[in-house]
Amino acid sequence: MPLALRIIAIAISLSMFIVTVELIRREKLKERYSLLWLATALSMFILSFWTGFLDAIALIIGIKIPANALFFIGTIFLMLIIFYITVVVSEMSTRNERLAQETTLLKNRIEELERSDGKKD
């Protein structure tokens, strides 16, 4: 891999790692959601820095240019992140639906109780 591309890949992976850690520190990103981002940044850094390993992976996968293997692996990690976030959003959607139903039931119960209290007076 050309030196300029290695430097850019290392800079991007380090920046991604630092930004992720900073967002965790400021409590803008929960640890639960940050693990794949940290793993992606760390993997990209290792593969950018240790080109022999990247060459071996490219050979195994059948990719002729190791830099393309780096981007392929990065794409795989991003797909995993998107999949994980989709699962989390689906869970939250189900929870919101349940909460809306429970809220409606509680609201109806409160209205019933208020009506029954009004009749006794």
PDB file of N, CA and C in Angstrom:
ATOM      1  N   MET A   1       0.860  -1.170   0.000  1.00  0.00           N
ATOM      2  CA  MET A   1       0.000   0.000   0.000  1.00  0.00           C
ATOM      3  C   MET A   1       0.905   1.231   0.000  1.00  0.00           C
ATOM      4  N   PRO A   2       0.581   2.214  -0.839  1.00  0.00           N
ATOM      5  CA  PRO A   2       1.395   3.435  -0.876  1.00  0.00           C
ATOM      6  C   PRO A   2       1.417   4.144   0.475  1.00  0.00           C
ATOM      7  N   LEU A   3       2.531   4.793   0.758  1.00  0.00           N
ATOM      8  CA  LEU A   3       2.728   5.454   2.049  1.00  0.00           C
ATOM      9  C   LEU A   3       1.662   6.515   2.316  1.00  0.00           C
ATOM     10  N   ALA A   4       1.322   7.305   1.297  1.00  0.00           N
ATOM     11  CA  ALA A   4       0.317   8.361   1.483  1.00  0.00           C
ATOM     12  C   ALA A   4      -1.023   7.765   1.889  1.00  0.00           C
ATOM     13  N   LEU A   5      -1.401   6.667   1.250  1.00  0.00           N
ATOM     14  CA  LEU A   5      -2.666   6.008   1.596  1.00  0.00           C
ATOM     15  C   LEU A   5      -2.618   5.422   2.999  1.00  0.00           C
ATOM     16  N   ARG A   6      -1.475   4.871   3.374  1.00  0.00           N
ATOM     17  CA  ARG A   6      -1.313   4.341   4.747  1.00  0.00           C
ATOM     18  C   ARG A   6      -1.482   5.451   5.768  1.00  0.00           C
ATOM     19  N   ILE A   7      -0.844   6.588   5.515  1.00  0.00           N
ATOM     20  CA  ILE A   7      -0.920   7.715   6.450  1.00  0.00           C
ATOM     21  C   ILE A   7      -2.364   8.203   6.576  1.00  0.00           C
ATOM     22  N   ILE A   8      -3.065   8.305   5.453  1.00  0.00           N
ATOM     23  CA  ILE A   8      -4.467   8.745   5.483  1.00  0.00           C
ATOM     24  C   ILE A   8      -5.327   7.740   6.252  1.00  0.00           C
ATOM     25  N   ALA A   9      -5.133   6.449   5.988  1.00  0.00           N
ATOM     26  CA  ALA A   9      -5.922   5.419   6.672  1.00  0.00           C
ATOM     27  C   ALA A   9      -5.636   5.419   8.174  1.00  0.00           C
ATOM     28  N   ILE A  10      -4.374   5.576   8.552  1.00  0.00           N
ATOM     29  CA  ILE A  10      -4.016   5.638   9.974  1.00  0.00           C
ATOM     30  C   ILE A  10      -4.640   6.865  10.627  1.00  0.00           C
ATOM     31  N   ALA A  11      -4.568   8.015   9.935  1.00  0.00           N
ATOM     32  CA  ALA A  11      -5.138   9.250  10.484  1.00  0.00           C
ATOM     33  C   ALA A  11      -6.647   9.129  10.656  1.00  0.00           C
ATOM     34  N   ILE A  12      -7.317   8.553   9.682  1.00  0.00           N
ATOM     35  CA  ILE A  12      -8.772   8.399   9.770  1.00  0.00           C
ATOM     36  C   ILE A  12      -9.150   7.453  10.900  1.00  0.00           C
ATOM     37  N   SER A  13      -8.441   6.326  11.002  1.00  0.00           N
ATOM     38  CA  SER A  13      -8.779   5.362  12.061  1.00  0.00           C
ATOM     39  C   SER A  13      -8.498   5.940  13.447  1.00  0.00           C
ATOM     40  N   LEU A  14      -7.389   6.651  13.599  1.00  0.00           N
ATOM     41  CA  LEU A  14      -7.106   7.274  14.904  1.00  0.00           C
ATOM     42  C   LEU A  14      -8.134   8.352  15.226  1.00  0.00           C
ATOM     43  N   SER A  15      -8.501   9.141  14.225  1.00  0.00           N
ATOM     44  CA  SER A  15      -9.514  10.181  14.442  1.00  0.00           C
ATOM     45  C   SER A  15     -10.841   9.566  14.858  1.00  0.00           C
ATOM     46  N   MET A  16     -11.218   8.491  14.178  1.00  0.00           N
ATOM     47  CA  MET A  16     -12.475   7.812  14.502  1.00  0.00           C
ATOM     48  C   MET A  16     -12.436   7.277  15.938  1.00  0.00           C
ATOM     49  N   PHE A  17     -11.305   6.711  16.337  1.00  0.00           N
ATOM     50  CA  PHE A  17     -11.167   6.179  17.689  1.00  0.00           C
ATOM     51  C   PHE A  17     -11.258   7.311  18.716  1.00  0.00           C
ATOM     52  N   ILE A  18     -10.535   8.398  18.477  1.00  0.00           N
ATOM     53  CA  ILE A  18     -10.514   9.528  19.418  1.00  0.00           C
ATOM     54  C   ILE A  18     -11.895  10.166  19.534  1.00  0.00           C
ATOM     55  N   VAL A  19     -12.568  10.373  18.400  1.00  0.00           N
ATOM     56  CA  VAL A  19     -13.909  10.975  18.424  1.00  0.00           C
ATOM     57  C   VAL A  19     -14.881  10.072  19.178  1.00  0.00           C
ATOM     58  N   THR A  20     -14.801   8.764  18.952  1.00  0.00           N
ATOM     59  CA  THR A  20     -15.691   7.831  19.645  1.00  0.00           C
ATOM     60  C   THR A  20     -15.466   7.875  21.151  1.00  0.00           C
ATOM     61  N   VAL A  21     -14.210   7.846  21.565  1.00  0.00           N
ATOM     62  CA  VAL A  21     -13.895   7.906  22.998  1.00  0.00           C
ATOM     63  C   VAL A  21     -14.367   9.226  23.596  1.00  0.00           C
ATOM     64  N   GLU A  22     -14.184  10.318  22.860  1.00  0.00           N
ATOM     65  CA  GLU A  22     -14.618  11.625  23.352  1.00  0.00           C
ATOM     66  C   GLU A  22     -16.142  11.683  23.488  1.00  0.00           C
ATOM     67  N   LEU A  23     -16.861  11.121  22.541  1.00  0.00           N
ATOM     68  CA  LEU A  23     -18.321  11.090  22.629  1.00  0.00           C
ATOM     69  C   LEU A  23     -18.790  10.238  23.807  1.00  0.00           C
ATOM     70  N   ILE A  24     -18.078   9.161  24.078  1.00  0.00           N
ATOM     71  CA  ILE A  24     -18.398   8.341  25.254  1.00  0.00           C
ATOM     72  C   ILE A  24     -18.144   9.147  26.523  1.00  0.00           C
ATOM     73  N   ARG A  25     -17.017   9.816  26.557  1.00  0.00           N
ATOM     74  CA  ARG A  25     -16.642  10.605  27.732  1.00  0.00           C
ATOM     75  C   ARG A  25     -17.661  11.703  28.015  1.00  0.00           C
ATOM     76  N   ARG A  26     -18.163  12.343  26.968  1.00  0.00           N
ATOM     77  CA  ARG A  26     -19.154  13.411  27.130  1.00  0.00           C
ATOM     78  C   ARG A  26     -20.579  12.880  27.283  1.00  0.00           C
ATOM     79  N   GLU A  27     -20.718  11.566  27.304  1.00  0.00           N
ATOM     80  CA  GLU A  27     -22.001  10.884  27.449  1.00  0.00           C
ATOM     81  C   GLU A  27     -22.967  11.201  26.313  1.00  0.00           C
ATOM     82  N   LYS A  28     -22.430  11.425  25.122  1.00  0.00           N
ATOM     83  CA  LYS A  28     -23.239  11.627  23.925  1.00  0.00           C
ATOM     84  C   LYS A  28     -23.440  10.304  23.197  1.00  0.00           C
ATOM     85  N   LEU A  29     -22.589   9.322  23.503  1.00  0.00           N
ATOM     86  CA  LEU A  29     -22.659   7.998  22.893  1.00  0.00           C
ATOM     87  C   LEU A  29     -22.525   6.971  24.012  1.00  0.00           C
ATOM     88  N   LYS A  30     -23.462   6.062  24.077  1.00  0.00           N
ATOM     89  CA  LYS A  30     -23.419   5.036  25.124  1.00  0.00           C
ATOM     90  C   LYS A  30     -22.406   3.961  24.756  1.00  0.00           C
ATOM     91  N   GLU A  31     -21.832   3.359  25.789  1.00  0.00           N
ATOM     92  CA  GLU A  31     -20.831   2.313  25.578  1.00  0.00           C
ATOM     93  C   GLU A  31     -21.402   1.164  24.759  1.00  0.00           C
ATOM     94  N   ARG A  32     -22.663   0.867  24.995  1.00  0.00           N
ATOM     95  CA  ARG A  32     -23.331  -0.238  24.310  1.00  0.00           C
ATOM     96  C   ARG A  32     -23.242  -0.082  22.792  1.00  0.00           C
ATOM     97  N   TYR A  33     -23.382   1.161  22.306  1.00  0.00           N
ATOM     98  CA  TYR A  33     -23.386   1.412  20.880  1.00  0.00           C
ATOM     99  C   TYR A  33     -22.001   1.701  20.325  1.00  0.00           C
ATOM    100  N   SER A  34     -21.061   1.934  21.185  1.00  0.00           N
ATOM    101  CA  SER A  34     -19.737   2.352  20.729  1.00  0.00           C
ATOM    102  C   SER A  34     -18.782   1.191  20.477  1.00  0.00           C
ATOM    103  N   LEU A  35     -19.092   0.011  20.949  1.00  0.00           N
ATOM    104  CA  LEU A  35     -18.150  -1.104  20.840  1.00  0.00           C
ATOM    105  C   LEU A  35     -17.781  -1.424  19.398  1.00  0.00           C
ATOM    106  N   LEU A  36     -18.766  -1.466  18.520  1.00  0.00           N
ATOM    107  CA  LEU A  36     -18.454  -1.749  17.117  1.00  0.00           C
ATOM    108  C   LEU A  36     -17.672  -0.614  16.471  1.00  0.00           C
ATOM    109  N   TRP A  37     -17.948   0.637  16.855  1.00  0.00           N
ATOM    110  CA  TRP A  37     -17.181   1.760  16.312  1.00  0.00           C
ATOM    111  C   TRP A  37     -15.727   1.676  16.766  1.00  0.00           C
ATOM    112  N   LEU A  38     -15.525   1.354  18.030  1.00  0.00           N
ATOM    113  CA  LEU A  38     -14.150   1.220  18.530  1.00  0.00           C
ATOM    114  C   LEU A  38     -13.434   0.049  17.859  1.00  0.00           C
ATOM    115  N   ALA A  39     -14.136  -1.053  17.677  1.00  0.00           N
ATOM    116  CA  ALA A  39     -13.545  -2.212  17.007  1.00  0.00           C
ATOM    117  C   ALA A  39     -13.197  -1.888  15.558  1.00  0.00           C
ATOM    118  N   THR A  40     -14.061  -1.144  14.890  1.00  0.00           N
ATOM    119  CA  THR A  40     -13.794  -0.751  13.508  1.00  0.00           C
ATOM    120  C   THR A  40     -12.556   0.134  13.431  1.00  0.00           C
ATOM    121  N   ALA A  41     -12.483   1.130  14.302  1.00  0.00           N
ATOM    122  CA  ALA A  41     -11.329   2.036  14.294  1.00  0.00           C
ATOM    123  C   ALA A  41     -10.044   1.284  14.610  1.00  0.00           C
ATOM    124  N   LEU A  42     -10.102   0.407  15.597  1.00  0.00           N
ATOM    125  CA  LEU A  42      -8.915  -0.352  15.976  1.00  0.00           C
ATOM    126  C   LEU A  42      -8.473  -1.304  14.860  1.00  0.00           C
ATOM    127  N   SER A  43      -9.433  -1.968  14.250  1.00  0.00           N
ATOM    128  CA  SER A  43      -9.108  -2.879  13.143  1.00  0.00           C
ATOM    129  C   SER A  43      -8.497  -2.130  11.970  1.00  0.00           C
ATOM    130  N   MET A  44      -9.097  -0.994  11.631  1.00  0.00           N
ATOM    131  CA  MET A  44      -8.570  -0.200  10.518  1.00  0.00           C
ATOM    132  C   MET A  44      -7.159   0.302  10.826  1.00  0.00           C
ATOM    133  N   PHE A  45      -6.924   0.672  12.082  1.00  0.00           N
ATOM    134  CA  PHE A  45      -5.590   1.123  12.454  1.00  0.00           C
ATOM    135  C   PHE A  45      -4.576  -0.008  12.325  1.00  0.00           C
ATOM    136  N   ILE A  46      -4.915  -1.161  12.851  1.00  0.00           N
ATOM    137  CA  ILE A  46      -3.996  -2.307  12.794  1.00  0.00           C
ATOM    138  C   ILE A  46      -3.712  -2.690  11.347  1.00  0.00           C
ATOM    139  N   LEU A  47      -4.750  -2.753  10.538  1.00  0.00           N
ATOM    140  CA  LEU A  47      -4.563  -3.136   9.138  1.00  0.00           C
ATOM    141  C   LEU A  47      -3.803  -2.068   8.344  1.00  0.00           C
ATOM    142  N   SER A  48      -3.964  -0.808   8.707  1.00  0.00           N
ATOM    143  CA  SER A  48      -3.237   0.271   8.027  1.00  0.00           C
ATOM    144  C   SER A  48      -1.775   0.288   8.440  1.00  0.00           C
ATOM    145  N   PHE A  49      -1.537   0.011   9.689  1.00  0.00           N
ATOM    146  CA  PHE A  49      -0.181   0.078  10.229  1.00  0.00           C
ATOM    147  C   PHE A  49       0.628  -1.166   9.870  1.00  0.00           C
ATOM    148  N   TRP A  50       0.000  -2.315   9.981  1.00  0.00           N
ATOM    149  CA  TRP A  50       0.680  -3.590   9.776  1.00  0.00           C
ATOM    150  C   TRP A  50       0.285  -4.126   8.399  1.00  0.00           C
ATOM    151  N   THR A  51       0.971  -3.651   7.384  1.00  0.00           N
ATOM    152  CA  THR A  51       0.576  -3.961   6.009  1.00  0.00           C
ATOM    153  C   THR A  51       0.820  -5.417   5.639  1.00  0.00           C
ATOM    154  N   GLY A  52       1.744  -6.098   6.292  1.00  0.00           N
ATOM    155  CA  GLY A  52       1.971  -7.511   6.009  1.00  0.00           C
ATOM    156  C   GLY A  52       0.725  -8.334   6.291  1.00  0.00           C
ATOM    157  N   PHE A  53       0.060  -8.018   7.379  1.00  0.00           N
ATOM    158  CA  PHE A  53      -1.186  -8.704   7.738  1.00  0.00           C
ATOM    159  C   PHE A  53      -2.271  -8.388   6.712  1.00  0.00           C
ATOM    160  N   LEU A  54      -2.316  -7.136   6.294  1.00  0.00           N
ATOM    161  CA  LEU A  54      -3.292  -6.733   5.289  1.00  0.00           C
ATOM    162  C   LEU A  54      -3.026  -7.444   3.962  1.00  0.00           C
ATOM    163  N   ASP A  55      -1.738  -7.576   3.584  1.00  0.00           N
ATOM    164  CA  ASP A  55      -1.382  -8.299   2.356  1.00  0.00           C
ATOM    165  C   ASP A  55      -1.852  -9.751   2.433  1.00  0.00           C
ATOM    166  N   ALA A  56      -1.677 -10.369   3.595  1.00  0.00           N
ATOM    167  CA  ALA A  56      -2.094 -11.767   3.769  1.00  0.00           C
ATOM    168  C   ALA A  56      -3.605 -11.905   3.664  1.00  0.00           C
ATOM    169  N   ILE A  57      -4.328 -10.975   4.279  1.00  0.00           N
ATOM    170  CA  ILE A  57      -5.794 -11.006   4.210  1.00  0.00           C
ATOM    171  C   ILE A  57      -6.250 -10.813   2.763  1.00  0.00           C
ATOM    172  N   ALA A  58      -5.632  -9.870   2.068  1.00  0.00           N
ATOM    173  CA  ALA A  58      -5.996  -9.618   0.669  1.00  0.00           C
ATOM    174  C   ALA A  58      -5.748 -10.859  -0.177  1.00  0.00           C
ATOM    175  N   LEU A  59      -4.655 -11.547   0.081  1.00  0.00           N
ATOM    176  CA  LEU A  59      -4.345 -12.766  -0.663  1.00  0.00           C
ATOM    177  C   LEU A  59      -5.375 -13.860  -0.382  1.00  0.00           C
ATOM    178  N   ILE A  60      -5.747 -14.023   0.881  1.00  0.00           N
ATOM    179  CA  ILE A  60      -6.723 -15.034   1.271  1.00  0.00           C
ATOM    180  C   ILE A  60      -8.090 -14.744   0.646  1.00  0.00           C
ATOM    181  N   ILE A  61      -8.495 -13.471   0.695  1.00  0.00           N
ATOM    182  CA  ILE A  61      -9.802 -13.087   0.159  1.00  0.00           C
ATOM    183  C   ILE A  61      -9.802 -13.134  -1.371  1.00  0.00           C
ATOM    184  N   GLY A  62      -8.623 -12.945  -1.959  1.00  0.00           N
ATOM    185  CA  GLY A  62      -8.533 -12.936  -3.417  1.00  0.00           C
ATOM    186  C   GLY A  62      -8.569 -11.538  -4.002  1.00  0.00           C
ATOM    187  N   ILE A  63      -8.219 -10.558  -3.199  1.00  0.00           N
ATOM    188  CA  ILE A  63      -8.181  -9.174  -3.656  1.00  0.00           C
ATOM    189  C   ILE A  63      -6.734  -8.838  -4.017  1.00  0.00           C
ATOM    190  N   LYS A  64      -6.544  -8.281  -5.212  1.00  0.00           N
ATOM    191  CA  LYS A  64      -5.188  -8.043  -5.706  1.00  0.00           C
ATOM    192  C   LYS A  64      -4.504  -6.843  -5.054  1.00  0.00           C
ATOM    193  N   ILE A  65      -5.273  -5.829  -4.707  1.00  0.00           N
ATOM    194  CA  ILE A  65      -4.699  -4.612  -4.126  1.00  0.00           C
ATOM    195  C   ILE A  65      -5.054  -4.574  -2.632  1.00  0.00           C
ATOM    196  N   PRO A  66      -4.048  -4.610  -1.754  1.00  0.00           N
ATOM    197  CA  PRO A  66      -4.327  -4.628  -0.306  1.00  0.00           C
ATOM    198  C   PRO A  66      -5.161  -3.448   0.182  1.00  0.00           C
ATOM    199  N   ALA A  67      -5.010  -2.283  -0.436  1.00  0.00           N
ATOM    200  CA  ALA A  67      -5.813  -1.125  -0.018  1.00  0.00           C
ATOM    201  C   ALA A  67      -7.298  -1.403  -0.218  1.00  0.00           C
ATOM    202  N   ASN A  68      -7.629  -2.118  -1.275  1.00  0.00           N
ATOM    203  CA  ASN A  68      -9.039  -2.481  -1.494  1.00  0.00           C
ATOM    204  C   ASN A  68      -9.529  -3.439  -0.417  1.00  0.00           C
ATOM    205  N   ALA A  69      -8.649  -4.307   0.063  1.00  0.00           N
ATOM    206  CA  ALA A  69      -9.015  -5.212   1.161  1.00  0.00           C
ATOM    207  C   ALA A  69      -9.327  -4.411   2.414  1.00  0.00           C
ATOM    208  N   LEU A  70      -8.543  -3.358   2.651  1.00  0.00           N
ATOM    209  CA  LEU A  70      -8.782  -2.495   3.814  1.00  0.00           C
ATOM    210  C   LEU A  70     -10.181  -1.878   3.737  1.00  0.00           C
ATOM    211  N   PHE A  71     -10.528  -1.360   2.574  1.00  0.00           N
ATOM    212  CA  PHE A  71     -11.847  -0.749   2.413  1.00  0.00           C
ATOM    213  C   PHE A  71     -12.961  -1.793   2.448  1.00  0.00           C
ATOM    214  N   PHE A  72     -12.695  -2.984   1.952  1.00  0.00           N
ATOM    215  CA  PHE A  72     -13.671  -4.065   2.013  1.00  0.00           C
ATOM    216  C   PHE A  72     -13.958  -4.446   3.463  1.00  0.00           C
ATOM    217  N   ILE A  73     -12.906  -4.581   4.251  1.00  0.00           N
ATOM    218  CA  ILE A  73     -13.081  -4.927   5.662  1.00  0.00           C
ATOM    219  C   ILE A  73     -13.802  -3.801   6.401  1.00  0.00           C
ATOM    220  N   GLY A  74     -13.452  -2.558   6.079  1.00  0.00           N
ATOM    221  CA  GLY A  74     -14.148  -1.418   6.678  1.00  0.00           C
ATOM    222  C   GLY A  74     -15.626  -1.423   6.342  1.00  0.00           C
ATOM    223  N   THR A  75     -15.943  -1.777   5.101  1.00  0.00           N
ATOM    224  CA  THR A  75     -17.342  -1.855   4.677  1.00  0.00           C
ATOM    225  C   THR A  75     -18.083  -2.945   5.446  1.00  0.00           C
ATOM    226  N   ILE A  76     -17.437  -4.067   5.658  1.00  0.00           N
ATOM    227  CA  ILE A  76     -18.051  -5.155   6.437  1.00  0.00           C
ATOM    228  C   ILE A  76     -18.369  -4.682   7.852  1.00  0.00           C
ATOM    229  N   PHE A  77     -17.406  -3.992   8.490  1.00  0.00           N
ATOM    230  CA  PHE A  77     -17.644  -3.478   9.842  1.00  0.00           C
ATOM    231  C   PHE A  77     -18.797  -2.485   9.849  1.00  0.00           C
ATOM    232  N   LEU A  78     -18.854  -1.609   8.858  1.00  0.00           N
ATOM    233  CA  LEU A  78     -19.948  -0.637   8.805  1.00  0.00           C
ATOM    234  C   LEU A  78     -21.293  -1.327   8.607  1.00  0.00           C
ATOM    235  N   MET A  79     -21.315  -2.386   7.832  1.00  0.00           N
ATOM    236  CA  MET A  79     -22.551  -3.150   7.671  1.00  0.00           C
ATOM    237  C   MET A  79     -22.976  -3.777   9.000  1.00  0.00           C
ATOM    238  N   LEU A  80     -22.015  -4.264   9.774  1.00  0.00           N
ATOM    239  CA  LEU A  80     -22.337  -4.815  11.092  1.00  0.00           C
ATOM    240  C   LEU A  80     -22.905  -3.739  12.012  1.00  0.00           C
ATOM    241  N   ILE A  81     -22.325  -2.550  11.945  1.00  0.00           N
ATOM    242  CA  ILE A  81     -22.822  -1.444  12.771  1.00  0.00           C
ATOM    243  C   ILE A  81     -24.255  -1.095  12.375  1.00  0.00           C
ATOM    244  N   ILE A  82     -24.505  -0.991  11.084  1.00  0.00           N
ATOM    245  CA  ILE A  82     -25.848  -0.666  10.613  1.00  0.00           C
ATOM    246  C   ILE A  82     -26.844  -1.746  11.029  1.00  0.00           C
ATOM    247  N   PHE A  83     -26.446  -2.998  10.916  1.00  0.00           N
ATOM    248  CA  PHE A  83     -27.322  -4.092  11.326  1.00  0.00           C
ATOM    249  C   PHE A  83     -27.633  -4.005  12.814  1.00  0.00           C
ATOM    250  N   TYR A  84     -26.617  -3.762  13.636  1.00  0.00           N
ATOM    251  CA  TYR A  84     -26.808  -3.652  15.082  1.00  0.00           C
ATOM    252  C   TYR A  84     -27.753  -2.495  15.412  1.00  0.00           C
ATOM    253  N   ILE A  85     -27.547  -1.368  14.763  1.00  0.00           N
ATOM    254  CA  ILE A  85     -28.403  -0.203  15.027  1.00  0.00           C
ATOM    255  C   ILE A  85     -29.839  -0.492  14.589  1.00  0.00           C
ATOM    256  N   THR A  86     -30.009  -1.224  13.502  1.00  0.00           N
ATOM    257  CA  THR A  86     -31.346  -1.598  13.052  1.00  0.00           C
ATOM    258  C   THR A  86     -32.043  -2.471  14.088  1.00  0.00           C
ATOM    259  N   VAL A  87     -31.314  -3.400  14.679  1.00  0.00           N
ATOM    260  CA  VAL A  87     -31.885  -4.250  15.726  1.00  0.00           C
ATOM    261  C   VAL A  87     -32.299  -3.394  16.926  1.00  0.00           C
ATOM    262  N   VAL A  88     -31.442  -2.456  17.317  1.00  0.00           N
ATOM    263  CA  VAL A  88     -31.751  -1.588  18.459  1.00  0.00           C
ATOM    264  C   VAL A  88     -32.985  -0.737  18.167  1.00  0.00           C
ATOM    265  N   VAL A  89     -33.072  -0.182  16.970  1.00  0.00           N
ATOM    266  CA  VAL A  89     -34.228   0.640  16.597  1.00  0.00           C
ATOM    267  C   VAL A  89     -35.500  -0.208  16.601  1.00  0.00           C
ATOM    268  N   SER A  90     -35.408  -1.442  16.130  1.00  0.00           N
ATOM    269  CA  SER A  90     -36.577  -2.332  16.144  1.00  0.00           C
ATOM    270  C   SER A  90     -37.041  -2.602  17.571  1.00  0.00           C
ATOM    271  N   GLU A  91     -36.086  -2.851  18.473  1.00  0.00           N
ATOM    272  CA  GLU A  91     -36.437  -3.062  19.882  1.00  0.00           C
ATOM    273  C   GLU A  91     -37.115  -1.829  20.459  1.00  0.00           C
ATOM    274  N   MET A  92     -36.568  -0.661  20.160  1.00  0.00           N
ATOM    275  CA  MET A  92     -37.140   0.582  20.684  1.00  0.00           C
ATOM    276  C   MET A  92     -38.536   0.830  20.120  1.00  0.00           C
ATOM    277  N   SER A  93     -38.749   0.484  18.871  1.00  0.00           N
ATOM    278  CA  SER A  93     -40.067   0.645  18.265  1.00  0.00           C
ATOM    279  C   SER A  93     -41.091  -0.229  18.974  1.00  0.00           C
ATOM    280  N   THR A  94     -40.705  -1.460  19.267  1.00  0.00           N
ATOM    281  CA  THR A  94     -41.605  -2.368  19.987  1.00  0.00           C
ATOM    282  C   THR A  94     -41.890  -1.838  21.389  1.00  0.00           C
ATOM    283  N   ARG A  95     -40.861  -1.350  22.060  1.00  0.00           N
ATOM    284  CA  ARG A  95     -41.050  -0.791  23.413  1.00  0.00           C
ATOM    285  C   ARG A  95     -41.968   0.422  23.375  1.00  0.00           C
ATOM    286  N   ASN A  96     -41.772   1.311  22.382  1.00  0.00           N
ATOM    287  CA  ASN A  96     -42.615   2.502  22.273  1.00  0.00           C
ATOM    288  C   ASN A  96     -44.074   2.126  22.044  1.00  0.00           C
ATOM    289  N   GLU A  97     -44.295   1.118  21.240  1.00  0.00           N
ATOM    290  CA  GLU A  97     -45.663   0.657  20.978  1.00  0.00           C
ATOM    291  C   GLU A  97     -46.307   0.150  22.269  1.00  0.00           C
ATOM    292  N   ARG A  98     -45.549  -0.644  23.025  1.00  0.00           N
ATOM    293  CA  ARG A  98     -46.064  -1.151  24.301  1.00  0.00           C
ATOM    294  C   ARG A  98     -46.341  -0.015  25.280  1.00  0.00           C
ATOM    295  N   LEU A  99     -45.417   0.941  25.338  1.00  0.00           N
ATOM    296  CA  LEU A  99     -45.613   2.081  26.247  1.00  0.00           C
ATOM    297  C   LEU A  99     -46.841   2.891  25.858  1.00  0.00           C
ATOM    298  N   ALA A 100     -47.054   3.073  24.579  1.00  0.00           N
ATOM    299  CA  ALA A 100     -48.240   3.809  24.123  1.00  0.00           C
ATOM    300  C   ALA A 100     -49.509   3.061  24.518  1.00  0.00           C
ATOM    301  N   GLN A 101     -49.499   1.752  24.369  1.00  0.00           N
ATOM    302  CA  GLN A 101     -50.667   0.953  24.756  1.00  0.00           C
ATOM    303  C   GLN A 101     -50.902   1.021  26.256  1.00  0.00           C
ATOM    304  N   GLU A 102     -49.836   0.877  27.040  1.00  0.00           N
ATOM    305  CA  GLU A 102     -49.968   0.943  28.500  1.00  0.00           C
ATOM    306  C   GLU A 102     -50.433   2.323  28.945  1.00  0.00           C
ATOM    307  N   THR A 103     -49.924   3.360  28.293  1.00  0.00           N
ATOM    308  CA  THR A 103     -50.328   4.726  28.633  1.00  0.00           C
ATOM    309  C   THR A 103     -51.808   4.933  28.358  1.00  0.00           C
ATOM    310  N   THR A 104     -52.282   4.413  27.231  1.00  0.00           N
ATOM    311  CA  THR A 104     -53.704   4.518  26.893  1.00  0.00           C
ATOM    312  C   THR A 104     -54.558   3.776  27.910  1.00  0.00           C
ATOM    313  N   LEU A 105     -54.129   2.567  28.295  1.00  0.00           N
ATOM    314  CA  LEU A 105     -54.874   1.811  29.303  1.00  0.00           C
ATOM    315  C   LEU A 105     -54.904   2.554  30.639  1.00  0.00           C
ATOM    316  N   LEU A 106     -53.781   3.106  31.048  1.00  0.00           N
ATOM    317  CA  LEU A 106     -53.731   3.854  32.311  1.00  0.00           C
ATOM    318  C   LEU A 106     -54.589   5.115  32.249  1.00  0.00           C
ATOM    319  N   LYS A 107     -54.570   5.782  31.108  1.00  0.00           N
ATOM    320  CA  LYS A 107     -55.385   6.990  30.947  1.00  0.00           C
ATOM    321  C   LYS A 107     -56.868   6.635  31.051  1.00  0.00           C
ATOM    322  N   ASN A 108     -57.268   5.547  30.399  1.00  0.00           N
ATOM    323  CA  ASN A 108     -58.665   5.105  30.487  1.00  0.00           C
ATOM    324  C   ASN A 108     -59.036   4.733  31.918  1.00  0.00           C
ATOM    325  N   ARG A 109     -58.131   4.090  32.615  1.00  0.00           N
ATOM    326  CA  ARG A 109     -58.391   3.688  34.012  1.00  0.00           C
ATOM    327  C   ARG A 109     -58.551   4.918  34.900  1.00  0.00           C
ATOM    328  N   ILE A 110     -57.698   5.912  34.682  1.00  0.00           N
ATOM    329  CA  ILE A 110     -57.795   7.157  35.473  1.00  0.00           C
ATOM    330  C   ILE A 110     -59.123   7.846  35.210  1.00  0.00           C
ATOM    331  N   GLU A 111     -59.518   7.900  33.927  1.00  0.00           N
ATOM    332  CA  GLU A 111     -60.798   8.533  33.586  1.00  0.00           C
ATOM    333  C   GLU A 111     -61.966   7.784  34.229  1.00  0.00           C
ATOM    334  N   GLU A 112     -61.891   6.457  34.239  1.00  0.00           N
ATOM    335  CA  GLU A 112     -62.943   5.653  34.891  1.00  0.00           C
ATOM    336  C   GLU A 112     -63.019   5.966  36.378  1.00  0.00           C
ATOM    337  N   LEU A 113     -61.842   6.018  37.025  1.00  0.00           N
ATOM    338  CA  LEU A 113     -61.811   6.320  38.454  1.00  0.00           C
ATOM    339  C   LEU A 113     -62.334   7.710  38.746  1.00  0.00           C
ATOM    340  N   GLU A 114     -61.982   8.678  37.899  1.00  0.00           N
ATOM    341  CA  GLU A 114     -62.478  10.048  38.111  1.00  0.00           C
ATOM    342  C   GLU A 114     -64.001  10.116  37.928  1.00  0.00           C
ATOM    343  N   ARG A 115     -64.517   9.378  36.968  1.00  0.00           N
ATOM    344  CA  ARG A 115     -65.965   9.344  36.753  1.00  0.00           C
ATOM    345  C   ARG A 115     -66.675   8.685  37.926  1.00  0.00           C
ATOM    346  N   SER A 116     -66.095   7.596  38.425  1.00  0.00           N
ATOM    347  CA  SER A 116     -66.746   6.896  39.539  1.00  0.00           C
ATOM    348  C   SER A 116     -66.683   7.721  40.812  1.00  0.00           C
ATOM    349  N   ASP A 117     -65.623   8.526  40.995  1.00  0.00           N
ATOM    350  CA  ASP A 117     -65.545   9.418  42.157  1.00  0.00           C
ATOM    351  C   ASP A 117     -66.548  10.541  42.040  1.00  0.00           C
ATOM    352  N   GLY A 118     -66.796  11.008  40.820  1.00  0.00           N
ATOM    353  CA  GLY A 118     -67.746  12.092  40.589  1.00  0.00           C
ATOM    354  C   GLY A 118     -69.170  11.651  40.867  1.00  0.00           C
ATOM    355  N   LYS A 119     -69.494  10.387  40.639  1.00  0.00           N
ATOM    356  CA  LYS A 119     -70.838   9.876  40.866  1.00  0.00           C
ATOM    357  C   LYS A 119     -71.142   9.735  42.343  1.00  0.00           C
ATOM    358  N   LYS A 120     -70.126   9.495  43.160  1.00  0.00           N
ATOM    359  CA  LYS A 120     -70.342   9.294  44.596  1.00  0.00           C
ATOM    360  C   LYS A 120     -70.640  10.608  45.306  1.00  0.00           C
ATOM    361  N   ASP A 121     -70.191  11.721  44.749  1.00  0.00           N
ATOM    362  CA  ASP A 121     -70.384  12.997  45.436  1.00  0.00           C
ATOM    363  C   ASP A 121     -71.764  13.494  45.372  1.00  0.00           C
TER     364      ASP A 121
END
